[in-house]
Amino acid sequence: MNPGQIYDEINETFNDWDGLLANPRFARVDDLVAWTNFTGGRLKDPITIERILDVVQTGQFTFQSAEDGSIFQLLYSFGSDGKLEVARLAFYLLQTRGSFEEGTAELISNSWIRIDYDLSTAKGVLHNDCHLHLYGFPESRIMVDSVPGPRQFVEFVISACYPDFYKVHRLNESGDFAKPKAIEQVNACVLVTGSKPGPMLIHLATPK
């Protein structure tokens, strides 16, 4: 995969989830695929509500959920040799009370997940080059065997965080995929990482 293909995938992802995704800001600058007016947008620990709101207000995201304003960050950075150097795939779920329309909305909590890839900072078993961070476990790095493509990551988030919407969009009455071929297309873009987690510890597998 190259930056142009990744950008196209993000665009296809946004169109595929019409009705749930809103406020697209994805952009490509040379070998970086991120978002318009990119300034980094990485949230430092501890990830607080205030820091997430700052990211929202400064537009440091790929797109939002139309349902609740939650944000996706999809970042892929390639080297001059065409190889993926860094990836950051994040989702910040925003929980509110009150009404946005009436101006009484208040952000009361946040949950988040993030998949990071950086071969240059890998440090063996406990810090694999591709790993998952989870809200509530700031020191954990759960190994992931390959970097998900944009469609894969968004598919994963929606199935986990918006199951009712996912059922309508993807599943039949039996709870199985209504169109398995569509899922095969979702899983067609996988970016293989440099190191392998090996068979010694439970890790997450990216469908290929």
Protein backbone atom coordinates (compact mmCIF):
# COMPACT_ATOMS: atom_id res chain seq x y z
CA MET A 1 0.00 0.00 0.00
CA ASN A 2 1.13 3.55 -0.72
CA PRO A 3 -0.09 6.97 0.53
CA GLY A 4 -2.45 7.42 -2.42
CA GLN A 5 -4.11 4.06 -1.81
CA ILE A 6 -4.43 4.75 1.91
CA TYR A 7 -6.06 8.12 1.20
CA ASP A 8 -8.51 6.46 -1.22
CA GLU A 9 -9.34 3.84 1.42
CA ILE A 10 -10.14 6.51 3.99
CA ASN A 11 -12.42 8.25 1.49
CA GLU A 12 -14.16 4.93 0.72
CA THR A 13 -14.53 4.26 4.44
CA PHE A 14 -16.23 7.61 5.01
CA ASN A 15 -18.65 6.97 2.15
CA ASP A 16 -19.35 3.42 3.27
CA TRP A 17 -20.53 4.53 6.71
CA ASP A 18 -22.80 7.28 5.43
CA GLY A 19 -25.10 8.33 8.24
CA LEU A 20 -22.66 7.60 11.05
CA LEU A 21 -19.49 9.44 10.03
CA ALA A 22 -19.41 13.24 9.66
CA ASN A 23 -17.07 16.23 9.37
CA PRO A 24 -14.40 14.69 7.13
CA ARG A 25 -10.98 16.32 7.49
CA PHE A 26 -8.71 13.64 6.02
CA ALA A 27 -5.88 14.91 3.84
CA ARG A 28 -2.66 13.80 2.24
CA VAL A 29 0.58 15.79 2.09
CA ASP A 30 3.29 13.93 0.17
CA ASP A 31 4.04 10.74 2.16
CA LEU A 32 1.81 11.62 5.11
CA VAL A 33 -1.88 10.75 5.25
CA ALA A 34 -3.56 12.44 8.21
CA TRP A 35 -5.95 15.42 8.32
CA THR A 36 -6.26 19.08 7.31
CA ASN A 37 -3.98 21.49 9.22
CA PHE A 38 -2.15 18.57 10.79
CA THR A 39 -0.04 19.58 13.80
CA GLY A 40 0.44 16.17 15.37
CA GLY A 41 -2.73 15.75 17.38
CA ARG A 42 -1.29 13.07 19.66
CA LEU A 43 -2.75 13.15 23.15
CA LYS A 44 -0.24 12.77 25.95
CA ASP A 45 -0.92 10.77 29.10
CA PRO A 46 -2.96 11.24 31.09
CA ILE A 47 -5.59 11.51 28.37
CA THR A 48 -8.13 13.84 29.94
CA ILE A 49 -11.47 15.19 28.79
CA GLU A 50 -9.88 18.63 28.44
CA ARG A 51 -7.16 17.31 26.12
CA ILE A 52 -9.69 15.50 23.96
CA LEU A 53 -11.83 18.64 23.71
CA ASP A 54 -8.76 20.58 22.60
CA VAL A 55 -8.17 18.06 19.79
CA VAL A 56 -11.81 18.38 18.74
CA GLN A 57 -11.77 22.18 18.82
CA THR A 58 -8.52 22.40 16.83
CA GLY A 59 -9.73 19.94 14.21
CA GLN A 60 -7.00 17.36 14.78
CA PHE A 61 -9.06 14.41 13.59
CA THR A 62 -9.95 12.46 10.45
CA PHE A 63 -13.72 12.49 10.98
CA GLN A 64 -16.33 12.34 13.73
CA SER A 65 -19.28 10.22 14.68
CA ALA A 66 -22.48 12.04 13.74
CA GLU A 67 -24.18 10.33 16.67
CA ASP A 68 -22.12 11.73 19.53
CA GLY A 69 -19.19 13.75 18.20
CA SER A 70 -16.59 11.06 18.98
CA ILE A 71 -13.45 11.35 16.87
CA PHE A 72 -11.32 9.10 14.70
CA GLN A 73 -7.65 9.78 14.02
CA LEU A 74 -6.15 7.84 11.10
CA LEU A 75 -2.48 8.62 10.48
CA TYR A 76 -0.10 6.79 8.14
CA SER A 77 3.41 8.10 7.44
CA PHE A 78 5.62 6.57 4.75
CA GLY A 79 9.34 6.87 4.16
CA SER A 80 11.10 7.89 0.95
CA ASP A 81 11.47 4.18 0.15
CA GLY A 82 7.69 3.76 0.15
CA LYS A 83 7.59 1.71 3.35
CA LEU A 84 5.28 2.51 6.23
CA GLU A 85 7.25 4.16 9.05
CA VAL A 86 4.60 5.28 11.53
CA ALA A 87 0.89 4.68 11.98
CA ARG A 88 -1.54 5.90 14.63
CA LEU A 89 -5.15 4.74 14.54
CA ALA A 90 -7.22 6.14 17.39
CA PHE A 91 -10.83 6.47 18.46
CA TYR A 92 -12.02 8.67 21.32
CA LEU A 93 -15.57 7.92 22.48
CA LEU A 94 -17.21 10.98 24.01
CA GLN A 95 -20.03 10.56 26.51
CA THR A 96 -22.20 13.56 27.30
CA ARG A 97 -25.29 14.64 29.16
CA GLY A 98 -27.58 17.44 28.16
CA SER A 99 -28.33 18.66 24.65
CA PHE A 100 -26.00 20.06 21.99
CA GLU A 101 -28.99 21.73 20.30
CA GLU A 102 -29.98 23.52 23.49
CA GLY A 103 -26.42 24.38 24.42
CA THR A 104 -26.52 22.34 27.63
CA ALA A 105 -24.28 19.46 26.55
CA GLU A 106 -21.57 18.54 29.02
CA LEU A 107 -18.79 16.03 28.43
CA ILE A 108 -18.74 13.73 31.45
CA SER A 109 -16.39 10.90 30.47
CA ASN A 110 -14.28 9.50 27.70
CA SER A 111 -13.04 6.11 26.60
CA TRP A 112 -10.48 5.46 23.91
CA ILE A 113 -8.50 2.88 21.96
CA ARG A 114 -5.38 3.43 19.89
CA ILE A 115 -3.19 1.25 17.68
CA ASP A 116 0.38 2.50 17.28
CA TYR A 117 3.04 1.36 14.85
CA ASP A 118 6.64 2.52 14.93
CA LEU A 119 9.39 0.08 14.03
CA SER A 120 12.09 2.44 15.34
CA THR A 121 10.79 2.28 18.93
CA ALA A 122 10.07 -1.45 19.16
CA LYS A 123 11.58 -3.11 22.22
CA GLY A 124 10.72 -6.77 22.05
CA VAL A 125 7.86 -8.64 23.71
CA LEU A 126 6.41 -5.85 25.87
CA HIS A 127 6.72 -3.11 23.26
CA ASN A 128 6.09 -4.65 19.87
CA ASP A 129 6.32 -2.42 16.80
CA CYS A 130 2.51 -2.63 16.42
CA HIS A 131 0.42 -2.59 19.58
CA LEU A 132 -2.94 -1.62 21.04
CA HIS A 133 -3.43 0.87 23.88
CA LEU A 134 -6.66 0.78 25.91
CA TYR A 135 -8.36 3.31 28.15
CA GLY A 136 -7.87 2.32 31.77
CA PHE A 137 -4.63 0.43 31.12
CA PRO A 138 -2.11 3.19 30.34
CA GLU A 139 0.98 0.99 30.74
CA SER A 140 -0.27 -1.91 28.62
CA ARG A 141 0.76 -2.54 25.03
CA ILE A 142 -1.19 -5.43 23.52
CA MET A 143 0.62 -6.87 20.53
CA VAL A 144 -1.08 -6.65 17.12
CA ASP A 145 0.37 -8.74 14.31
CA SER A 146 -0.14 -6.22 11.47
CA VAL A 147 -1.20 -2.62 10.98
CA PRO A 148 -4.90 -2.47 10.06
CA GLY A 149 -5.94 -0.60 6.97
CA PRO A 150 -8.33 2.35 7.44
CA ARG A 151 -11.43 0.34 6.60
CA GLN A 152 -10.42 -2.44 8.98
CA PHE A 153 -9.87 -0.12 11.90
CA VAL A 154 -13.14 1.79 11.44
CA GLU A 155 -15.00 -1.51 10.98
CA PHE A 156 -13.53 -2.73 14.27
CA VAL A 157 -14.49 0.45 16.14
CA ILE A 158 -18.04 0.58 14.84
CA SER A 159 -18.67 -3.10 15.61
CA ALA A 160 -17.40 -2.59 19.17
CA CYS A 161 -18.77 0.86 19.97
CA TYR A 162 -21.91 1.17 17.82
CA PRO A 163 -23.24 -2.41 17.69
CA ASP A 164 -26.84 -1.43 16.90
CA PHE A 165 -25.75 0.59 13.88
CA TYR A 166 -23.40 -2.20 12.86
CA LYS A 167 -26.18 -4.80 12.96
CA VAL A 168 -28.33 -2.76 10.59
CA HIS A 169 -25.45 -1.95 8.25
CA ARG A 170 -23.66 -5.29 8.11
CA LEU A 171 -25.59 -8.24 9.54
CA ASN A 172 -28.60 -10.37 8.66
CA GLU A 173 -31.37 -11.55 10.98
CA SER A 174 -29.21 -14.47 12.13
CA GLY A 175 -26.43 -12.12 13.21
CA ASP A 176 -24.08 -13.23 10.41
CA PHE A 177 -22.60 -11.03 7.71
CA ALA A 178 -25.23 -10.22 5.11
CA LYS A 179 -22.56 -9.69 2.43
CA PRO A 180 -19.37 -11.65 3.22
CA LYS A 181 -17.72 -10.38 0.04
CA ALA A 182 -17.95 -6.84 1.39
CA ILE A 183 -16.00 -7.89 4.48
CA GLU A 184 -13.36 -9.49 2.29
CA GLN A 185 -12.92 -6.10 0.61
CA VAL A 186 -12.63 -4.43 4.03
CA ASN A 187 -9.79 -6.80 4.90
CA ALA A 188 -7.98 -6.42 1.57
CA CYS A 189 -5.74 -3.61 2.86
CA VAL A 190 -3.31 -4.78 5.53
CA LEU A 191 0.11 -3.27 6.16
CA VAL A 192 2.51 -5.96 7.33
CA THR A 193 4.81 -4.97 10.19
CA GLY A 194 8.52 -5.53 10.50
CA SER A 195 8.59 -7.82 13.54
CA LYS A 196 6.42 -10.73 14.57
CA PRO A 197 4.98 -11.30 18.06
CA GLY A 198 5.67 -15.02 17.91
CA PRO A 199 3.67 -17.90 19.41
CA MET A 200 4.57 -17.37 23.07
CA LEU A 201 2.01 -14.75 24.16
CA ILE A 202 -1.61 -14.00 23.30
CA HIS A 203 -1.85 -11.21 20.74
CA LEU A 204 -4.39 -9.70 18.35
CA ALA A 205 -4.60 -10.86 14.77
CA THR A 206 -5.48 -8.53 11.91
CA PRO A 207 -7.58 -10.36 9.25
CA LYS A 208 -5.70 -10.78 5.99
